[in-house]
Amino acid sequence: MRKSYRVKRNTEFQEVFKHGKSFANRQFVVYVLKKKNRKHFRIGLSVSKKLGNAVKRNEIKRYIRQVFLELKEDIPPGYDYIIIARKPAAEMNYHEVKKSLIHVLKIANALKKS
């Protein structure tokens, strides 16, 4: 995923936390904030050290990025998303992560109707 699709700065994370809406299921919390004048969405990831060692945390982040890459066409542009992984996400494989993220994005009305 290209850098232009990522939320990296702490100030940007804090803005989404402060002004965005949150949606959650057992595995993930998603914060959504509408941004004007943006041609595409951006995502920020937060995976705590409580979820496992660096290898496991990086695996979870790869899975999340891949899901967003596959859903690129269904996600409306102009939003920032912060995804926080919860403890159960550490034991999930890619297909379970995808199913869970689709579920929480539907709750957030963040997927285009298909």
C-alpha atoms as a PDB file:
ATOM      1  CA  MET A   1       0.000   0.000   0.000  1.00  0.00           C
ATOM      2  CA  ARG A   2       1.425   3.371  -1.009  1.00  0.00           C
ATOM      3  CA  LYS A   3       2.363   5.971   1.600  1.00  0.00           C
ATOM      4  CA  SER A   4      -0.344   8.329   0.372  1.00  0.00           C
ATOM      5  CA  TYR A   5      -2.895   5.773   1.634  1.00  0.00           C
ATOM      6  CA  ARG A   6      -1.540   5.770   5.208  1.00  0.00           C
ATOM      7  CA  VAL A   7      -2.117   7.906   8.277  1.00  0.00           C
ATOM      8  CA  LYS A   8       1.311   8.210   9.885  1.00  0.00           C
ATOM      9  CA  ARG A   9       1.582  11.317  12.085  1.00  0.00           C
ATOM     10  CA  ASN A  10       0.487  11.314  15.713  1.00  0.00           C
ATOM     11  CA  THR A  11      -1.419  14.582  15.185  1.00  0.00           C
ATOM     12  CA  GLU A  12      -3.457  12.955  12.397  1.00  0.00           C
ATOM     13  CA  PHE A  13      -4.208   9.930  14.614  1.00  0.00           C
ATOM     14  CA  GLN A  14      -5.325  12.228  17.448  1.00  0.00           C
ATOM     15  CA  GLU A  15      -7.567  14.225  15.099  1.00  0.00           C
ATOM     16  CA  VAL A  16      -9.346  11.047  13.973  1.00  0.00           C
ATOM     17  CA  PHE A  17      -9.699   9.846  17.585  1.00  0.00           C
ATOM     18  CA  LYS A  18     -11.044  13.214  18.725  1.00  0.00           C
ATOM     19  CA  HIS A  19     -13.427  14.062  15.871  1.00  0.00           C
ATOM     20  CA  GLY A  20     -14.182  10.698  14.250  1.00  0.00           C
ATOM     21  CA  LYS A  21     -16.821   8.105  15.015  1.00  0.00           C
ATOM     22  CA  SER A  22     -15.893   4.682  16.357  1.00  0.00           C
ATOM     23  CA  PHE A  23     -17.349   1.299  15.470  1.00  0.00           C
ATOM     24  CA  ALA A  24     -16.307  -2.027  16.910  1.00  0.00           C
ATOM     25  CA  ASN A  25     -16.711  -5.771  17.015  1.00  0.00           C
ATOM     26  CA  ARG A  26     -14.792  -8.300  19.124  1.00  0.00           C
ATOM     27  CA  GLN A  27     -11.641  -8.200  16.983  1.00  0.00           C
ATOM     28  CA  PHE A  28     -11.322  -4.611  15.732  1.00  0.00           C
ATOM     29  CA  VAL A  29     -12.185  -1.010  16.550  1.00  0.00           C
ATOM     30  CA  VAL A  30     -12.485   1.327  13.557  1.00  0.00           C
ATOM     31  CA  TYR A  31     -12.477   5.115  13.804  1.00  0.00           C
ATOM     32  CA  VAL A  32     -13.822   6.949  10.740  1.00  0.00           C
ATOM     33  CA  LEU A  33     -13.379  10.641   9.940  1.00  0.00           C
ATOM     34  CA  LYS A  34     -14.560  12.438   6.785  1.00  0.00           C
ATOM     35  CA  LYS A  35     -11.837  14.537   5.163  1.00  0.00           C
ATOM     36  CA  LYS A  36     -12.518  17.075   2.440  1.00  0.00           C
ATOM     37  CA  ASN A  37     -10.454  17.452  -0.735  1.00  0.00           C
ATOM     38  CA  ARG A  38      -9.051  13.931  -0.612  1.00  0.00           C
ATOM     39  CA  LYS A  39      -9.109  11.705  -3.702  1.00  0.00           C
ATOM     40  CA  HIS A  40      -8.764   8.424  -1.781  1.00  0.00           C
ATOM     41  CA  PHE A  41      -9.091   6.943   1.690  1.00  0.00           C
ATOM     42  CA  ARG A  42      -6.231   6.600   4.179  1.00  0.00           C
ATOM     43  CA  ILE A  43      -5.727   4.017   6.910  1.00  0.00           C
ATOM     44  CA  GLY A  44      -3.784   4.050  10.152  1.00  0.00           C
ATOM     45  CA  LEU A  45      -3.036   0.876  12.083  1.00  0.00           C
ATOM     46  CA  SER A  46      -2.574   0.313  15.782  1.00  0.00           C
ATOM     47  CA  VAL A  47      -1.541  -3.128  17.019  1.00  0.00           C
ATOM     48  CA  SER A  48      -0.573  -3.312  20.685  1.00  0.00           C
ATOM     49  CA  LYS A  49       2.434  -5.206  22.052  1.00  0.00           C
ATOM     50  CA  LYS A  50      -0.066  -7.188  24.120  1.00  0.00           C
ATOM     51  CA  LEU A  51      -1.095  -9.040  20.948  1.00  0.00           C
ATOM     52  CA  GLY A  52       2.247 -10.789  20.480  1.00  0.00           C
ATOM     53  CA  ASN A  53       5.807 -10.392  19.325  1.00  0.00           C
ATOM     54  CA  ALA A  54       6.865  -8.181  16.397  1.00  0.00           C
ATOM     55  CA  VAL A  55       6.384 -10.976  13.872  1.00  0.00           C
ATOM     56  CA  LYS A  56       2.748 -11.502  14.935  1.00  0.00           C
ATOM     57  CA  ARG A  57       1.979  -7.753  15.060  1.00  0.00           C
ATOM     58  CA  ASN A  58       3.438  -7.228  11.570  1.00  0.00           C
ATOM     59  CA  GLU A  59       1.433 -10.188  10.262  1.00  0.00           C
ATOM     60  CA  ILE A  60      -1.802  -8.649  11.579  1.00  0.00           C
ATOM     61  CA  LYS A  61      -0.913  -5.307   9.956  1.00  0.00           C
ATOM     62  CA  ARG A  62      -0.152  -7.020   6.625  1.00  0.00           C
ATOM     63  CA  TYR A  63      -3.515  -8.791   6.745  1.00  0.00           C
ATOM     64  CA  ILE A  64      -5.373  -5.517   7.425  1.00  0.00           C
ATOM     65  CA  ARG A  65      -3.554  -3.666   4.618  1.00  0.00           C
ATOM     66  CA  GLN A  66      -4.301  -6.496   2.187  1.00  0.00           C
ATOM     67  CA  VAL A  67      -8.002  -6.445   3.071  1.00  0.00           C
ATOM     68  CA  PHE A  68      -8.167  -2.705   2.392  1.00  0.00           C
ATOM     69  CA  LEU A  69      -6.270  -3.196  -0.866  1.00  0.00           C
ATOM     70  CA  GLU A  70      -8.815  -5.815  -1.986  1.00  0.00           C
ATOM     71  CA  LEU A  71     -11.773  -3.643  -0.893  1.00  0.00           C
ATOM     72  CA  LYS A  72     -10.301  -0.498  -2.488  1.00  0.00           C
ATOM     73  CA  GLU A  73     -13.134  -0.210  -5.022  1.00  0.00           C
ATOM     74  CA  ASP A  74     -15.847  -0.599  -2.362  1.00  0.00           C
ATOM     75  CA  ILE A  75     -14.489   1.968   0.097  1.00  0.00           C
ATOM     76  CA  PRO A  76     -15.613   5.549  -0.591  1.00  0.00           C
ATOM     77  CA  PRO A  77     -12.832   8.142  -1.016  1.00  0.00           C
ATOM     78  CA  GLY A  78     -12.267  11.052   1.327  1.00  0.00           C
ATOM     79  CA  TYR A  79     -12.181   9.232   4.666  1.00  0.00           C
ATOM     80  CA  ASP A  80      -9.480   8.468   7.204  1.00  0.00           C
ATOM     81  CA  TYR A  81      -9.739   5.116   8.996  1.00  0.00           C
ATOM     82  CA  ILE A  82      -7.879   4.098  12.133  1.00  0.00           C
ATOM     83  CA  ILE A  83      -8.001   0.357  12.801  1.00  0.00           C
ATOM     84  CA  ILE A  84      -7.147  -0.911  16.278  1.00  0.00           C
ATOM     85  CA  ALA A  85      -6.633  -4.656  16.583  1.00  0.00           C
ATOM     86  CA  ARG A  86      -7.936  -6.346  19.724  1.00  0.00           C
ATOM     87  CA  LYS A  87      -6.631  -9.510  21.410  1.00  0.00           C
ATOM     88  CA  PRO A  88      -8.718 -12.086  19.425  1.00  0.00           C
ATOM     89  CA  ALA A  89      -7.203 -10.796  16.152  1.00  0.00           C
ATOM     90  CA  ALA A  90      -3.881 -12.419  17.092  1.00  0.00           C
ATOM     91  CA  GLU A  91      -5.277 -15.946  16.623  1.00  0.00           C
ATOM     92  CA  MET A  92      -7.022 -15.247  13.319  1.00  0.00           C
ATOM     93  CA  ASN A  93      -5.925 -16.220   9.833  1.00  0.00           C
ATOM     94  CA  TYR A  94      -6.267 -13.907   6.821  1.00  0.00           C
ATOM     95  CA  HIS A  95      -9.775 -15.016   5.828  1.00  0.00           C
ATOM     96  CA  GLU A  96     -11.097 -14.528   9.357  1.00  0.00           C
ATOM     97  CA  VAL A  97      -9.503 -11.059   9.528  1.00  0.00           C
ATOM     98  CA  LYS A  98     -11.118 -10.139   6.201  1.00  0.00           C
ATOM     99  CA  LYS A  99     -14.547 -11.363   7.318  1.00  0.00           C
ATOM    100  CA  SER A 100     -14.285  -9.488  10.615  1.00  0.00           C
ATOM    101  CA  LEU A 101     -13.114  -6.236   8.990  1.00  0.00           C
ATOM    102  CA  ILE A 102     -15.904  -6.393   6.398  1.00  0.00           C
ATOM    103  CA  HIS A 103     -18.363  -6.868   9.269  1.00  0.00           C
ATOM    104  CA  VAL A 104     -17.143  -3.824  11.209  1.00  0.00           C
ATOM    105  CA  LEU A 105     -16.939  -1.686   8.037  1.00  0.00           C
ATOM    106  CA  LYS A 106     -20.555  -2.575   7.245  1.00  0.00           C
ATOM    107  CA  ILE A 107     -21.527  -1.483  10.758  1.00  0.00           C
ATOM    108  CA  ALA A 108     -19.739   1.823  10.051  1.00  0.00           C
ATOM    109  CA  ASN A 109     -21.481   2.184   6.648  1.00  0.00           C
ATOM    110  CA  ALA A 110     -17.988   2.449   5.152  1.00  0.00           C
ATOM    111  CA  LEU A 111     -18.573   0.066   2.268  1.00  0.00           C
ATOM    112  CA  LYS A 112     -20.403   1.053  -0.901  1.00  0.00           C
ATOM    113  CA  LYS A 113     -23.564  -0.917  -1.487  1.00  0.00           C
ATOM    114  CA  SER A 114     -22.912  -3.661  -4.039  1.00  0.00           C
END
